[in-house]
Amino acid sequence: MTNSDSISKKMDDQISIDEQLIDEGISQLASEIKVLENWLAELEDSDTGNSDVLAARKSYNDMLRSRREMLSALNKHARGDQDTANS
């Protein structure tokens, strides 16, 4: 194996690892989003005047928004990587 072959293999391995991490991140975020949506749905039936419920609802909504933003960014990154790989 030549030096350039070795470098190419290392780059391919790195790309494969990066793609795997992105896929795992997307899956994890999607799972967390579902959990947060379920928690928020459960809170809909709770006492809306209760300060603990209001605080939990705000916190869960903030977490949900954050997870959705991260998921969107990862999906864009994954599509960008696929476009680059297909070029």
N, C-alpha and C. Protein backbone atom coordinates (compact mmCIF):
# COMPACT_ATOMS: atom_id res chain seq x y z
N MET A 1 0.85 -1.16 0.00
CA MET A 1 0.00 0.00 0.00
C MET A 1 0.90 1.23 0.00
N THR A 2 0.62 2.15 -0.91
CA THR A 2 1.41 3.37 -0.99
C THR A 2 0.95 4.35 0.07
N ASN A 3 1.73 5.39 0.26
CA ASN A 3 1.39 6.42 1.23
C ASN A 3 0.08 7.10 0.88
N SER A 4 -0.14 7.39 -0.41
CA SER A 4 -1.39 8.04 -0.82
C SER A 4 -2.59 7.12 -0.61
N ASP A 5 -2.39 5.81 -0.81
CA ASP A 5 -3.47 4.85 -0.54
C ASP A 5 -3.83 4.84 0.94
N SER A 6 -2.81 4.91 1.78
CA SER A 6 -3.02 4.92 3.23
C SER A 6 -3.77 6.17 3.65
N ILE A 7 -3.40 7.32 3.11
CA ILE A 7 -4.08 8.59 3.42
C ILE A 7 -5.52 8.54 2.94
N SER A 8 -5.73 8.01 1.75
CA SER A 8 -7.08 7.91 1.20
C SER A 8 -7.95 7.02 2.08
N LYS A 9 -7.41 5.89 2.54
CA LYS A 9 -8.16 4.98 3.40
C LYS A 9 -8.51 5.66 4.72
N LYS A 10 -7.57 6.40 5.30
CA LYS A 10 -7.85 7.11 6.55
C LYS A 10 -8.95 8.13 6.35
N MET A 11 -8.94 8.83 5.22
CA MET A 11 -9.98 9.83 4.95
C MET A 11 -11.33 9.15 4.77
N ASP A 12 -11.35 8.02 4.06
CA ASP A 12 -12.60 7.27 3.88
C ASP A 12 -13.14 6.78 5.22
N ASP A 13 -12.23 6.29 6.08
CA ASP A 13 -12.64 5.84 7.41
C ASP A 13 -13.22 7.00 8.21
N GLN A 14 -12.58 8.16 8.15
CA GLN A 14 -13.05 9.33 8.88
C GLN A 14 -14.42 9.76 8.39
N ILE A 15 -14.62 9.77 7.08
CA ILE A 15 -15.91 10.13 6.50
C ILE A 15 -16.98 9.15 6.97
N SER A 16 -16.64 7.87 6.97
CA SER A 16 -17.58 6.84 7.42
C SER A 16 -17.97 7.05 8.88
N ILE A 17 -17.00 7.36 9.72
CA ILE A 17 -17.28 7.61 11.13
C ILE A 17 -18.15 8.85 11.27
N ASP A 18 -17.81 9.92 10.56
CA ASP A 18 -18.60 11.14 10.63
C ASP A 18 -20.04 10.89 10.20
N GLU A 19 -20.24 10.15 9.13
CA GLU A 19 -21.60 9.85 8.66
C GLU A 19 -22.35 9.04 9.71
N GLN A 20 -21.65 8.10 10.33
CA GLN A 20 -22.29 7.27 11.36
C GLN A 20 -22.68 8.14 12.55
N LEU A 21 -21.81 9.04 12.97
CA LEU A 21 -22.13 9.92 14.10
C LEU A 21 -23.31 10.82 13.77
N ILE A 22 -23.34 11.33 12.56
CA ILE A 22 -24.46 12.19 12.14
C ILE A 22 -25.76 11.39 12.15
N ASP A 23 -25.73 10.19 11.61
CA ASP A 23 -26.93 9.34 11.60
C ASP A 23 -27.40 9.03 13.02
N GLU A 24 -26.45 8.73 13.91
CA GLU A 24 -26.81 8.45 15.30
C GLU A 24 -27.38 9.70 15.97
N GLY A 25 -26.79 10.85 15.67
CA GLY A 25 -27.29 12.11 16.23
C GLY A 25 -28.69 12.41 15.77
N ILE A 26 -28.95 12.19 14.49
CA ILE A 26 -30.29 12.42 13.93
C ILE A 26 -31.30 11.50 14.61
N SER A 27 -30.94 10.25 14.77
CA SER A 27 -31.83 9.28 15.41
C SER A 27 -32.08 9.66 16.87
N GLN A 28 -31.05 10.04 17.59
CA GLN A 28 -31.18 10.42 18.99
C GLN A 28 -32.07 11.66 19.14
N LEU A 29 -31.83 12.65 18.32
CA LEU A 29 -32.63 13.88 18.40
C LEU A 29 -34.09 13.61 18.07
N ALA A 30 -34.34 12.79 17.05
CA ALA A 30 -35.72 12.46 16.69
C ALA A 30 -36.43 11.76 17.86
N SER A 31 -35.70 10.89 18.54
CA SER A 31 -36.27 10.20 19.70
C SER A 31 -36.56 11.18 20.84
N GLU A 32 -35.63 12.09 21.10
CA GLU A 32 -35.84 13.07 22.16
C GLU A 32 -37.02 13.99 21.83
N ILE A 33 -37.17 14.35 20.57
CA ILE A 33 -38.28 15.20 20.16
C ILE A 33 -39.61 14.51 20.43
N LYS A 34 -39.70 13.22 20.13
CA LYS A 34 -40.93 12.48 20.39
C LYS A 34 -41.26 12.45 21.88
N VAL A 35 -40.24 12.23 22.70
CA VAL A 35 -40.45 12.20 24.15
C VAL A 35 -40.95 13.55 24.64
N LEU A 36 -40.30 14.63 24.20
CA LEU A 36 -40.72 15.97 24.62
C LEU A 36 -42.14 16.28 24.15
N GLU A 37 -42.47 15.90 22.93
CA GLU A 37 -43.83 16.12 22.43
C GLU A 37 -44.85 15.36 23.28
N ASN A 38 -44.51 14.14 23.69
CA ASN A 38 -45.40 13.35 24.54
C ASN A 38 -45.56 14.00 25.91
N TRP A 39 -44.47 14.48 26.47
CA TRP A 39 -44.54 15.15 27.77
C TRP A 39 -45.42 16.40 27.68
N LEU A 40 -45.23 17.16 26.61
CA LEU A 40 -46.04 18.37 26.44
C LEU A 40 -47.52 18.03 26.27
N ALA A 41 -47.81 16.95 25.56
CA ALA A 41 -49.20 16.52 25.40
C ALA A 41 -49.81 16.14 26.75
N GLU A 42 -49.03 15.48 27.59
CA GLU A 42 -49.51 15.12 28.93
C GLU A 42 -49.78 16.37 29.76
N LEU A 43 -48.95 17.38 29.60
CA LEU A 43 -49.13 18.62 30.36
C LEU A 43 -50.36 19.40 29.92
N GLU A 44 -50.81 19.17 28.71
CA GLU A 44 -52.01 19.86 28.21
C GLU A 44 -53.22 19.56 29.09
N ASP A 45 -53.24 18.37 29.66
CA ASP A 45 -54.36 17.95 30.51
C ASP A 45 -54.18 18.39 31.96
N SER A 46 -53.04 19.02 32.26
CA SER A 46 -52.74 19.42 33.64
C SER A 46 -53.30 20.80 33.93
N ASP A 47 -53.25 21.14 35.19
CA ASP A 47 -53.73 22.44 35.67
C ASP A 47 -52.88 23.55 35.07
N THR A 48 -53.49 24.38 34.23
CA THR A 48 -52.75 25.45 33.55
C THR A 48 -52.38 26.58 34.49
N GLY A 49 -52.99 26.64 35.66
CA GLY A 49 -52.68 27.68 36.63
C GLY A 49 -51.55 27.30 37.58
N ASN A 50 -51.16 26.05 37.55
CA ASN A 50 -50.12 25.55 38.43
C ASN A 50 -48.76 26.05 37.94
N SER A 51 -48.01 26.72 38.81
CA SER A 51 -46.72 27.29 38.40
C SER A 51 -45.71 26.21 38.00
N ASP A 52 -45.78 25.04 38.64
CA ASP A 52 -44.86 23.96 38.26
C ASP A 52 -45.16 23.46 36.85
N VAL A 53 -46.43 23.36 36.52
CA VAL A 53 -46.83 22.93 35.18
C VAL A 53 -46.40 23.96 34.14
N LEU A 54 -46.59 25.23 34.45
CA LEU A 54 -46.19 26.30 33.53
C LEU A 54 -44.68 26.30 33.32
N ALA A 55 -43.93 26.10 34.40
CA ALA A 55 -42.47 26.06 34.30
C ALA A 55 -42.02 24.85 33.48
N ALA A 56 -42.65 23.71 33.73
CA ALA A 56 -42.30 22.50 32.97
C ALA A 56 -42.63 22.69 31.49
N ARG A 57 -43.79 23.26 31.21
CA ARG A 57 -44.20 23.48 29.82
C ARG A 57 -43.19 24.40 29.11
N LYS A 58 -42.78 25.47 29.77
CA LYS A 58 -41.82 26.39 29.17
C LYS A 58 -40.48 25.69 28.93
N SER A 59 -40.03 24.95 29.93
CA SER A 59 -38.77 24.23 29.82
C SER A 59 -38.81 23.22 28.68
N TYR A 60 -39.88 22.42 28.62
CA TYR A 60 -40.00 21.41 27.57
C TYR A 60 -40.11 22.05 26.19
N ASN A 61 -40.83 23.16 26.09
CA ASN A 61 -40.92 23.86 24.81
C ASN A 61 -39.55 24.39 24.37
N ASP A 62 -38.79 24.92 25.31
CA ASP A 62 -37.43 25.39 25.00
C ASP A 62 -36.55 24.24 24.52
N MET A 63 -36.62 23.12 25.24
CA MET A 63 -35.82 21.95 24.85
C MET A 63 -36.26 21.44 23.48
N LEU A 64 -37.56 21.42 23.24
CA LEU A 64 -38.09 20.94 21.97
C LEU A 64 -37.61 21.82 20.82
N ARG A 65 -37.68 23.13 21.01
CA ARG A 65 -37.22 24.05 19.97
C ARG A 65 -35.72 23.84 19.69
N SER A 66 -34.95 23.69 20.74
CA SER A 66 -33.51 23.47 20.60
C SER A 66 -33.22 22.17 19.85
N ARG A 67 -33.92 21.09 20.22
CA ARG A 67 -33.70 19.79 19.56
C ARG A 67 -34.08 19.87 18.07
N ARG A 68 -35.17 20.58 17.78
CA ARG A 68 -35.59 20.72 16.38
C ARG A 68 -34.57 21.50 15.57
N GLU A 69 -34.00 22.54 16.17
CA GLU A 69 -32.96 23.32 15.48
C GLU A 69 -31.73 22.46 15.22
N MET A 70 -31.31 21.68 16.24
CA MET A 70 -30.15 20.80 16.06
C MET A 70 -30.43 19.74 14.99
N LEU A 71 -31.64 19.18 15.01
CA LEU A 71 -32.00 18.17 14.02
C LEU A 71 -31.97 18.75 12.62
N SER A 72 -32.51 19.94 12.47
CA SER A 72 -32.49 20.61 11.17
C SER A 72 -31.06 20.83 10.69
N ALA A 73 -30.20 21.28 11.58
CA ALA A 73 -28.80 21.52 11.22
C ALA A 73 -28.10 20.22 10.82
N LEU A 74 -28.34 19.16 11.57
CA LEU A 74 -27.72 17.87 11.23
C LEU A 74 -28.24 17.34 9.90
N ASN A 75 -29.54 17.48 9.66
CA ASN A 75 -30.10 17.03 8.38
C ASN A 75 -29.50 17.82 7.22
N LYS A 76 -29.34 19.13 7.38
CA LYS A 76 -28.71 19.93 6.34
C LYS A 76 -27.27 19.51 6.12
N HIS A 77 -26.57 19.24 7.21
CA HIS A 77 -25.17 18.80 7.12
C HIS A 77 -25.09 17.46 6.40
N ALA A 78 -26.00 16.55 6.75
CA ALA A 78 -26.01 15.22 6.13
C ALA A 78 -26.30 15.34 4.64
N ARG A 79 -27.24 16.20 4.26
CA ARG A 79 -27.55 16.38 2.84
C ARG A 79 -26.37 17.00 2.12
N GLY A 80 -25.70 17.93 2.77
CA GLY A 80 -24.52 18.57 2.18
C GLY A 80 -23.41 17.57 1.94
N ASP A 81 -23.21 16.67 2.90
CA ASP A 81 -22.19 15.63 2.75
C ASP A 81 -22.54 14.68 1.61
N GLN A 82 -23.83 14.35 1.49
CA GLN A 82 -24.26 13.45 0.41
C GLN A 82 -24.07 14.12 -0.94
N ASP A 83 -24.39 15.41 -1.02
CA ASP A 83 -24.21 16.15 -2.29
C ASP A 83 -22.74 16.17 -2.66
N THR A 84 -21.85 16.38 -1.68
CA THR A 84 -20.42 16.41 -1.93
C THR A 84 -19.92 15.05 -2.37
N ALA A 85 -20.43 13.99 -1.72
CA ALA A 85 -19.99 12.64 -2.05
C ALA A 85 -20.46 12.23 -3.44
N ASN A 86 -21.61 12.73 -3.86
CA ASN A 86 -22.16 12.37 -5.17
C ASN A 86 -21.56 13.21 -6.30
N SER A 87 -20.79 14.23 -5.97
CA SER A 87 -20.22 15.09 -7.01
C SER A 87 -19.03 14.47 -7.67
